[in-house]
Structures are given as C-alpha cells and as structure tokens.
Amino acid sequence: MTTSGPLLLFANAKLKRQSRHSSVRVKWLSHYSSAQQILLVGEGDFSFSLALANAFGSADNLVATSLDSYDDLLRKYSKAKSNLKSLRKMGATALHGVDATTMKSHGDRTTRRFDRIVFDFPHAGFRGQEFEKPMIQYAP
C-alpha cells in the first residue's frame, strides 16, 4: 500500500515505547496493540474505538475522528453520546468535523505520528445517507 497526501505525515511511525508501557502488559486485538498510537478516521457512533479501548483497558493511545459535528452525531446515532463519554473517561481524544482528505491542515494533528490508521467504513460513493436502511442493505 502506498501512502500519499495528508496521511503521509501519519504513516510508518515507529512504536512509541514509553515508560508507562514498560511496566504494563501490552494487549493485542487482532492487528492492534495497546502500545501503538492509533488514529481512527471516519468513526460513526465511535463503537469501534470503544471496543478497542475496552480490549486494551485504556484509550490513551487512541485518537478517534468523525466527519460529522458533535451535534450531527447525536442526531444520527443513539449510542454516540455514551460511547464518546466512555472513550473520554478512558483517555481517548475524540475530534469532530475532521475530513480525512484535509487532515494535514489540522494544526497539532500534523505533528503527531501514528502506528496504525484505521478507516473502517469509508463512504462508498452511492447516493443517499449511510444510516438509511436501504443504503445499509444495498449490495452492488
């Protein structure tokens, strides 16, 4: 996979092995570890981020973003508010109104490096809203 554009700043970062990890057992969930700095792009209701945080027992290593504003998230997803509250309690950074194609221009995020960038469900380019039942059931 070739990385270009705004995400180049985040790609191929070395694992941050800070002193806090030396005394704490590193936990793995599939391709992700509690020792990795993980950027989650385009989160819907933040349930995937929360699942990682719960598996790791902490979310200090997670930055989760959504294209939607906070208010739009609350309108679209019934569990977004509680998921975000739990994530923040566990130490995650949650950012809203973040377009993955323009992340380079997002201030302090341009200097932070990540070991994993996760974009689980990018927009498929169809007409309609992802949360509408016909769009969910649509399979080309």
N, C-alpha and C. Protein backbone atom coordinates (compact mmCIF):
# COMPACT_ATOMS: atom_id res chain seq x y z
N MET A 1 0.84 -1.18 0.00
CA MET A 1 0.00 0.00 0.00
C MET A 1 0.89 1.24 0.00
N THR A 2 0.59 2.17 -0.86
CA THR A 2 1.34 3.41 -0.93
C THR A 2 0.55 4.50 -0.22
N THR A 3 1.23 5.24 0.62
CA THR A 3 0.58 6.32 1.34
C THR A 3 1.02 7.63 0.73
N SER A 4 0.07 8.50 0.44
CA SER A 4 0.41 9.80 -0.11
C SER A 4 -0.53 10.84 0.47
N GLY A 5 -0.28 12.10 0.15
CA GLY A 5 -1.13 13.18 0.58
C GLY A 5 -1.06 13.40 2.08
N PRO A 6 -2.16 13.90 2.66
CA PRO A 6 -2.16 14.30 4.07
C PRO A 6 -1.79 13.19 5.04
N LEU A 7 -2.08 11.95 4.71
CA LEU A 7 -1.83 10.89 5.66
C LEU A 7 -0.36 10.49 5.71
N LEU A 8 0.45 11.00 4.78
CA LEU A 8 1.87 10.68 4.78
C LEU A 8 2.52 11.04 6.11
N LEU A 9 2.08 12.13 6.71
CA LEU A 9 2.65 12.55 7.99
C LEU A 9 2.39 11.54 9.09
N PHE A 10 1.35 10.75 8.95
CA PHE A 10 0.98 9.82 10.00
C PHE A 10 1.48 8.40 9.76
N ALA A 11 1.90 8.11 8.55
CA ALA A 11 2.22 6.74 8.19
C ALA A 11 3.60 6.32 8.67
N ASN A 12 3.75 5.02 8.85
CA ASN A 12 5.02 4.38 9.15
C ASN A 12 5.72 4.91 10.40
N ALA A 13 4.97 5.33 11.38
CA ALA A 13 5.59 5.80 12.63
C ALA A 13 6.09 4.61 13.42
N LYS A 14 7.18 4.80 14.14
CA LYS A 14 7.70 3.73 15.00
C LYS A 14 6.83 3.62 16.23
N LEU A 15 6.77 2.43 16.81
CA LEU A 15 6.01 2.24 18.04
C LEU A 15 6.58 3.12 19.13
N LYS A 16 5.70 3.79 19.84
CA LYS A 16 6.15 4.58 20.98
C LYS A 16 6.19 3.67 22.19
N ARG A 17 7.37 3.45 22.67
CA ARG A 17 7.53 2.60 23.85
C ARG A 17 7.89 3.51 25.01
N GLN A 18 6.86 4.08 25.59
CA GLN A 18 7.07 4.99 26.70
C GLN A 18 7.18 4.20 27.99
N SER A 19 7.70 4.85 29.01
CA SER A 19 7.93 4.17 30.28
C SER A 19 6.66 3.58 30.86
N ARG A 20 5.53 4.17 30.58
CA ARG A 20 4.28 3.63 31.13
C ARG A 20 3.97 2.25 30.58
N HIS A 21 4.49 1.94 29.37
CA HIS A 21 4.24 0.63 28.78
C HIS A 21 5.22 -0.43 29.28
N SER A 22 6.34 -0.01 29.84
CA SER A 22 7.34 -0.98 30.27
C SER A 22 6.85 -1.82 31.45
N SER A 23 6.02 -1.24 32.30
CA SER A 23 5.51 -1.99 33.44
C SER A 23 4.11 -2.55 33.20
N VAL A 24 3.50 -2.18 32.08
CA VAL A 24 2.15 -2.63 31.76
C VAL A 24 2.24 -3.63 30.61
N ARG A 25 1.50 -4.70 30.74
CA ARG A 25 1.48 -5.73 29.69
C ARG A 25 0.80 -5.18 28.44
N VAL A 26 1.44 -5.35 27.31
CA VAL A 26 0.88 -4.90 26.04
C VAL A 26 -0.24 -5.86 25.66
N LYS A 27 -1.38 -5.30 25.30
CA LYS A 27 -2.54 -6.12 24.92
C LYS A 27 -2.76 -5.97 23.43
N TRP A 28 -3.13 -7.09 22.79
CA TRP A 28 -3.38 -7.12 21.36
C TRP A 28 -4.83 -7.46 21.07
N LEU A 29 -5.37 -6.85 20.05
CA LEU A 29 -6.67 -7.19 19.49
C LEU A 29 -6.47 -7.22 17.98
N SER A 30 -6.38 -8.40 17.43
CA SER A 30 -6.12 -8.59 16.00
C SER A 30 -4.85 -7.85 15.59
N HIS A 31 -4.96 -6.83 14.74
CA HIS A 31 -3.80 -6.10 14.23
C HIS A 31 -3.41 -4.90 15.09
N TYR A 32 -4.07 -4.72 16.21
CA TYR A 32 -3.89 -3.51 17.01
C TYR A 32 -3.37 -3.85 18.40
N SER A 33 -2.49 -2.98 18.91
CA SER A 33 -1.93 -3.22 20.23
C SER A 33 -2.04 -1.96 21.08
N SER A 34 -2.06 -2.17 22.38
CA SER A 34 -2.14 -1.05 23.31
C SER A 34 -0.87 -0.21 23.32
N ALA A 35 0.21 -0.71 22.72
CA ALA A 35 1.47 0.05 22.64
C ALA A 35 1.53 0.92 21.38
N GLN A 36 0.58 0.75 20.48
CA GLN A 36 0.56 1.52 19.25
C GLN A 36 -0.25 2.80 19.41
N GLN A 37 0.18 3.84 18.73
CA GLN A 37 -0.61 5.06 18.62
C GLN A 37 -1.55 4.85 17.44
N ILE A 38 -2.86 4.94 17.68
CA ILE A 38 -3.84 4.57 16.66
C ILE A 38 -4.75 5.75 16.35
N LEU A 39 -4.86 6.06 15.07
CA LEU A 39 -5.78 7.08 14.57
C LEU A 39 -6.94 6.38 13.91
N LEU A 40 -8.15 6.67 14.38
CA LEU A 40 -9.36 6.09 13.80
C LEU A 40 -10.09 7.21 13.05
N VAL A 41 -10.22 7.04 11.75
CA VAL A 41 -10.76 8.07 10.88
C VAL A 41 -12.19 7.70 10.48
N GLY A 42 -13.08 8.68 10.48
CA GLY A 42 -14.43 8.46 9.98
C GLY A 42 -15.28 7.59 10.87
N GLU A 43 -15.11 7.70 12.17
CA GLU A 43 -15.93 6.91 13.10
C GLU A 43 -17.39 7.32 12.96
N GLY A 44 -18.29 6.37 13.08
CA GLY A 44 -19.72 6.65 13.08
C GLY A 44 -20.16 6.98 14.49
N ASP A 45 -20.57 5.96 15.24
CA ASP A 45 -21.01 6.19 16.63
C ASP A 45 -19.89 5.95 17.63
N PHE A 46 -18.67 5.77 17.17
CA PHE A 46 -17.48 5.57 17.99
C PHE A 46 -17.48 4.22 18.73
N SER A 47 -18.28 3.28 18.25
CA SER A 47 -18.33 1.97 18.91
C SER A 47 -17.06 1.15 18.64
N PHE A 48 -16.45 1.29 17.47
CA PHE A 48 -15.22 0.55 17.20
C PHE A 48 -14.09 1.06 18.10
N SER A 49 -13.99 2.37 18.22
CA SER A 49 -12.98 2.95 19.11
C SER A 49 -13.17 2.47 20.54
N LEU A 50 -14.41 2.44 20.98
CA LEU A 50 -14.71 1.99 22.33
C LEU A 50 -14.38 0.51 22.51
N ALA A 51 -14.61 -0.29 21.49
CA ALA A 51 -14.27 -1.71 21.57
C ALA A 51 -12.75 -1.89 21.74
N LEU A 52 -11.97 -1.11 21.00
CA LEU A 52 -10.51 -1.17 21.17
C LEU A 52 -10.11 -0.73 22.57
N ALA A 53 -10.68 0.37 23.03
CA ALA A 53 -10.36 0.88 24.37
C ALA A 53 -10.68 -0.16 25.43
N ASN A 54 -11.83 -0.80 25.33
CA ASN A 54 -12.21 -1.82 26.31
C ASN A 54 -11.26 -3.02 26.25
N ALA A 55 -10.85 -3.40 25.06
CA ALA A 55 -9.92 -4.52 24.92
C ALA A 55 -8.56 -4.18 25.53
N PHE A 56 -8.13 -2.93 25.39
CA PHE A 56 -6.84 -2.50 25.91
C PHE A 56 -6.90 -2.13 27.39
N GLY A 57 -8.10 -1.80 27.87
CA GLY A 57 -8.24 -1.34 29.25
C GLY A 57 -7.89 0.13 29.41
N SER A 58 -7.66 0.80 28.30
CA SER A 58 -7.31 2.22 28.29
C SER A 58 -7.47 2.73 26.87
N ALA A 59 -7.58 4.05 26.74
CA ALA A 59 -7.68 4.64 25.42
C ALA A 59 -6.68 5.77 25.23
N ASP A 60 -5.65 5.79 26.06
CA ASP A 60 -4.62 6.83 25.97
C ASP A 60 -3.96 6.88 24.59
N ASN A 61 -3.93 5.76 23.90
CA ASN A 61 -3.25 5.67 22.62
C ASN A 61 -4.17 5.90 21.42
N LEU A 62 -5.42 6.29 21.67
CA LEU A 62 -6.40 6.42 20.58
C LEU A 62 -6.76 7.88 20.30
N VAL A 63 -6.80 8.20 19.01
CA VAL A 63 -7.39 9.46 18.54
C VAL A 63 -8.47 9.04 17.56
N ALA A 64 -9.72 9.33 17.89
CA ALA A 64 -10.85 8.93 17.07
C ALA A 64 -11.49 10.18 16.47
N THR A 65 -11.75 10.14 15.16
CA THR A 65 -12.30 11.30 14.48
C THR A 65 -13.59 10.95 13.74
N SER A 66 -14.40 11.98 13.56
CA SER A 66 -15.61 11.83 12.75
C SER A 66 -15.73 13.02 11.82
N LEU A 67 -16.29 12.77 10.65
CA LEU A 67 -16.56 13.86 9.72
C LEU A 67 -17.71 14.71 10.25
N ASP A 68 -18.65 14.06 10.92
CA ASP A 68 -19.82 14.76 11.47
C ASP A 68 -19.44 15.67 12.63
N SER A 69 -20.22 16.71 12.81
CA SER A 69 -20.09 17.54 14.01
C SER A 69 -20.65 16.75 15.19
N TYR A 70 -20.34 17.21 16.38
CA TYR A 70 -20.86 16.54 17.58
C TYR A 70 -22.39 16.51 17.57
N ASP A 71 -23.01 17.62 17.23
CA ASP A 71 -24.48 17.69 17.21
C ASP A 71 -25.07 16.73 16.17
N ASP A 72 -24.43 16.63 15.01
CA ASP A 72 -24.91 15.69 13.99
C ASP A 72 -24.79 14.25 14.46
N LEU A 73 -23.70 13.94 15.16
CA LEU A 73 -23.53 12.58 15.71
C LEU A 73 -24.68 12.22 16.64
N LEU A 74 -25.03 13.15 17.51
CA LEU A 74 -26.11 12.88 18.46
C LEU A 74 -27.43 12.67 17.76
N ARG A 75 -27.65 13.37 16.64
CA ARG A 75 -28.90 13.18 15.87
C ARG A 75 -28.91 11.85 15.13
N LYS A 76 -27.76 11.44 14.61
CA LYS A 76 -27.68 10.24 13.78
C LYS A 76 -27.60 8.93 14.56
N TYR A 77 -26.86 8.96 15.69
CA TYR A 77 -26.53 7.71 16.37
C TYR A 77 -26.96 7.76 17.84
N SER A 78 -27.82 6.85 18.23
CA SER A 78 -28.36 6.86 19.59
C SER A 78 -27.31 6.56 20.65
N LYS A 79 -26.24 5.86 20.31
CA LYS A 79 -25.22 5.49 21.31
C LYS A 79 -23.98 6.38 21.26
N ALA A 80 -23.95 7.33 20.35
CA ALA A 80 -22.74 8.16 20.19
C ALA A 80 -22.37 8.90 21.47
N LYS A 81 -23.33 9.48 22.14
CA LYS A 81 -23.03 10.27 23.34
C LYS A 81 -22.40 9.41 24.43
N SER A 82 -22.99 8.25 24.69
CA SER A 82 -22.45 7.38 25.75
C SER A 82 -21.10 6.78 25.34
N ASN A 83 -20.95 6.44 24.05
CA ASN A 83 -19.66 5.92 23.59
C ASN A 83 -18.56 6.96 23.74
N LEU A 84 -18.85 8.20 23.37
CA LEU A 84 -17.86 9.27 23.49
C LEU A 84 -17.52 9.55 24.95
N LYS A 85 -18.51 9.54 25.80
CA LYS A 85 -18.27 9.78 27.23
C LYS A 85 -17.34 8.70 27.79
N SER A 86 -17.61 7.45 27.45
CA SER A 86 -16.76 6.34 27.91
C SER A 86 -15.35 6.46 27.36
N LEU A 87 -15.23 6.79 26.09
CA LEU A 87 -13.90 6.94 25.48
C LEU A 87 -13.09 8.03 26.17
N ARG A 88 -13.72 9.14 26.40
CA ARG A 88 -13.00 10.26 27.03
C ARG A 88 -12.58 9.91 28.45
N LYS A 89 -13.44 9.19 29.17
CA LYS A 89 -13.08 8.75 30.53
C LYS A 89 -11.86 7.84 30.51
N MET A 90 -11.72 7.08 29.43
CA MET A 90 -10.61 6.14 29.32
C MET A 90 -9.36 6.79 28.72
N GLY A 91 -9.43 8.07 28.40
CA GLY A 91 -8.25 8.80 27.94
C GLY A 91 -8.13 9.04 26.45
N ALA A 92 -9.15 8.71 25.67
CA ALA A 92 -9.09 8.92 24.22
C ALA A 92 -9.26 10.39 23.88
N THR A 93 -8.76 10.74 22.72
CA THR A 93 -9.02 12.05 22.13
C THR A 93 -10.06 11.82 21.05
N ALA A 94 -11.16 12.57 21.10
CA ALA A 94 -12.20 12.48 20.08
C ALA A 94 -12.33 13.84 19.41
N LEU A 95 -12.29 13.82 18.09
CA LEU A 95 -12.35 15.05 17.31
C LEU A 95 -13.48 14.95 16.31
N HIS A 96 -14.18 16.05 16.11
CA HIS A 96 -15.35 16.07 15.22
C HIS A 96 -15.13 17.07 14.09
N GLY A 97 -15.82 16.86 12.98
CA GLY A 97 -15.69 17.75 11.83
C GLY A 97 -14.35 17.60 11.14
N VAL A 98 -13.79 16.39 11.17
CA VAL A 98 -12.47 16.15 10.59
C VAL A 98 -12.63 15.42 9.26
N ASP A 99 -12.18 16.04 8.20
CA ASP A 99 -12.19 15.44 6.87
C ASP A 99 -10.83 14.78 6.66
N ALA A 100 -10.82 13.49 6.44
CA ALA A 100 -9.57 12.74 6.30
C ALA A 100 -8.72 13.25 5.14
N THR A 101 -9.36 13.84 4.14
CA THR A 101 -8.60 14.31 2.98
C THR A 101 -7.90 15.64 3.24
N THR A 102 -8.23 16.30 4.36
CA THR A 102 -7.60 17.59 4.66
C THR A 102 -6.93 17.59 6.04
N MET A 103 -6.60 16.43 6.54
CA MET A 103 -6.04 16.34 7.90
C MET A 103 -4.72 17.08 8.05
N LYS A 104 -4.00 17.23 6.98
CA LYS A 104 -2.71 17.90 7.05
C LYS A 104 -2.84 19.33 7.59
N SER A 105 -3.98 19.93 7.38
CA SER A 105 -4.18 21.32 7.80
C SER A 105 -4.78 21.45 9.19
N HIS A 106 -4.83 20.37 9.96
CA HIS A 106 -5.46 20.38 11.27
C HIS A 106 -4.46 20.59 12.41
N GLY A 107 -3.73 21.68 12.37
CA GLY A 107 -2.87 22.11 13.47
C GLY A 107 -2.01 21.05 14.11
N ASP A 108 -2.24 20.79 15.41
CA ASP A 108 -1.40 19.88 16.19
C ASP A 108 -1.44 18.45 15.68
N ARG A 109 -2.43 18.07 14.92
CA ARG A 109 -2.51 16.71 14.40
C ARG A 109 -1.47 16.45 13.32
N THR A 110 -0.88 17.50 12.77
CA THR A 110 0.11 17.29 11.73
C THR A 110 1.45 16.86 12.30
N THR A 111 1.68 17.06 13.58
CA THR A 111 2.96 16.69 14.16
C THR A 111 2.89 15.36 14.91
N ARG A 112 1.73 14.89 15.20
CA ARG A 112 1.61 13.60 15.90
C ARG A 112 1.76 12.46 14.91
N ARG A 113 2.42 11.42 15.34
CA ARG A 113 2.64 10.26 14.47
C ARG A 113 1.82 9.08 15.00
N PHE A 114 1.40 8.23 14.06
CA PHE A 114 0.58 7.08 14.41
C PHE A 114 1.18 5.81 13.82
N ASP A 115 1.00 4.73 14.55
CA ASP A 115 1.44 3.42 14.09
C ASP A 115 0.40 2.75 13.22
N ARG A 116 -0.85 3.04 13.48
CA ARG A 116 -1.96 2.48 12.72
C ARG A 116 -2.94 3.60 12.40
N ILE A 117 -3.43 3.59 11.16
CA ILE A 117 -4.51 4.48 10.75
C ILE A 117 -5.65 3.58 10.29
N VAL A 118 -6.78 3.70 10.93
CA VAL A 118 -7.92 2.82 10.67
C VAL A 118 -9.05 3.62 10.06
N PHE A 119 -9.48 3.21 8.88
CA PHE A 119 -10.62 3.84 8.20
C PHE A 119 -11.54 2.70 7.81
N ASP A 120 -12.35 2.27 8.77
CA ASP A 120 -13.16 1.06 8.61
C ASP A 120 -14.21 1.13 7.51
N PHE A 121 -14.98 2.18 7.47
CA PHE A 121 -16.11 2.23 6.56
C PHE A 121 -16.14 3.55 5.79
N PRO A 122 -15.24 3.73 4.83
CA PRO A 122 -15.28 4.97 4.06
C PRO A 122 -16.55 5.04 3.23
N HIS A 123 -16.95 6.24 2.88
CA HIS A 123 -18.15 6.44 2.07
C HIS A 123 -17.98 5.70 0.75
N ALA A 124 -18.99 4.94 0.38
CA ALA A 124 -18.90 4.09 -0.81
C ALA A 124 -19.25 4.82 -2.10
N GLY A 125 -19.64 6.07 -2.02
CA GLY A 125 -19.91 6.85 -3.21
C GLY A 125 -21.32 6.72 -3.76
N PHE A 126 -22.22 6.07 -3.05
CA PHE A 126 -23.59 5.95 -3.51
C PHE A 126 -24.39 7.18 -3.10
N ARG A 127 -25.55 7.32 -3.69
CA ARG A 127 -26.42 8.44 -3.34
C ARG A 127 -27.27 8.05 -2.14
N GLY A 128 -27.43 8.96 -1.22
CA GLY A 128 -28.19 8.68 -0.02
C GLY A 128 -27.31 8.79 1.21
N GLN A 129 -27.90 8.54 2.34
CA GLN A 129 -27.20 8.62 3.62
C GLN A 129 -26.88 7.22 4.12
N GLU A 130 -25.69 7.05 4.70
CA GLU A 130 -25.25 5.73 5.15
C GLU A 130 -26.16 5.13 6.21
N PHE A 131 -26.82 5.97 7.00
CA PHE A 131 -27.63 5.46 8.09
C PHE A 131 -29.05 5.10 7.66
N GLU A 132 -29.42 5.34 6.40
CA GLU A 132 -30.75 4.97 5.90
C GLU A 132 -30.77 3.47 5.57
N LYS A 133 -31.81 2.80 6.00
CA LYS A 133 -31.90 1.35 5.86
C LYS A 133 -31.66 0.84 4.43
N PRO A 134 -32.25 1.46 3.40
CA PRO A 134 -31.98 0.96 2.04
C PRO A 134 -30.50 1.02 1.66
N MET A 135 -29.78 2.03 2.16
CA MET A 135 -28.36 2.15 1.86
C MET A 135 -27.54 1.09 2.60
N ILE A 136 -27.95 0.78 3.82
CA ILE A 136 -27.27 -0.25 4.59
C ILE A 136 -27.44 -1.61 3.92
N GLN A 137 -28.64 -1.87 3.41
CA GLN A 137 -28.92 -3.16 2.80
C GLN A 137 -28.45 -3.27 1.35
N TYR A 138 -28.09 -2.14 0.74
CA TYR A 138 -27.67 -2.13 -0.67
C TYR A 138 -26.35 -2.87 -0.83
N ALA A 139 -26.33 -3.82 -1.73
CA ALA A 139 -25.09 -4.56 -2.02
C ALA A 139 -24.94 -4.64 -3.53
N PRO A 140 -24.02 -3.85 -4.10
CA PRO A 140 -23.87 -3.85 -5.57
C PRO A 140 -23.39 -5.18 -6.10
